[in-house]
Amino acid sequence: MLWDRIMKNIGHGEATMVYNANNELGYTFRTTRKDRDVVDFDGIPLMMHLNEATGPVKHGFSNAAKFHQAKVMTRKLANKKPVGAPPTLIAIDLETTGLDPIEDEIMSIGAVKQVKGEAIESFYQLIQIDKPIPKNVVSLTGLTSELLNEKGVSLAAGLRDFKAFIGDRPLIGYNLHFDETFLTAGFKRIDSTDLGNQMVDLMPVVKKANKFLDNYRLETVLDDYGIENKTPHQALADAQATLDLATKLNETGVLKI
């Protein structure tokens, strides 16, 4: 119920709510204020001002705030104790010309493989494209049509090599649905079989573990977890940062792989 959620999260504040009800007027009130009371005046719900408050206002942290503090403390403590790393982690990231997997194209593919928490292998491939790259995308990624045509490979070759690198292992990403839709469209474009790998998206994991971030863009999340990414919007760097995030989440027990 909405009122229950308000009561759990209100903290130091006060709240008054008017909502639909099964009475003749179709509405009623609720309030947390100690200087107000909801009264029935000939069948009409009204707010009555009290000369004296009915009780002291309770101060302190809300349940949600306490939950957040507990999560932060758990994360700090977990970082201090050794935790076994999963056998293999592969994080991936794509840079694309836009947001539409049908109309836009993959410009680069980055992937980082961590084996038993130590050995790291990486994959990075620029992809040749047919359409001009929008100026805002060039500014964001640093990728130009000239660079892709000079150092890139065909989409078919890039996806083939990517497939060989990842094998059948689970893939980790941040907002992974975006990358997955472009990969699916790419494999369809070259008449090849789509990936059958298990997909692990870290975004919903982070949202569940940390409900108080201003937003859930990758750079915001990395900053919250103390992870540095010196070249954001570069596929390999973003894949490495995503792998670091997965490692942190695994160490704290938030992510099970």
Foldseek 3Di string as FASTA:
>chain_A
DVVVVCQQQVAQHWDKDWAADPFPVRIEIDIPFQQWDWDADPNDTDIDGHPDGPDDRDHDGGNVVVLQVVLVVLLVVLVPDDDWDDQKAKEKFWQWLDQDLQPIATQKIKMWMDGRNDDIDIDIFGEQDDDFRDPVSCVQQVDGNVVSVVGHDHLVVRLVVVCVVCPQEEYEYEVCVSVQSNQVSSCVVVVHDGHPHHYHYCQVLCCVSHVDFPDRDPVSVLVVVVHDQPRPNHTHSRRVSRVVVQRSCVSSVSDDD
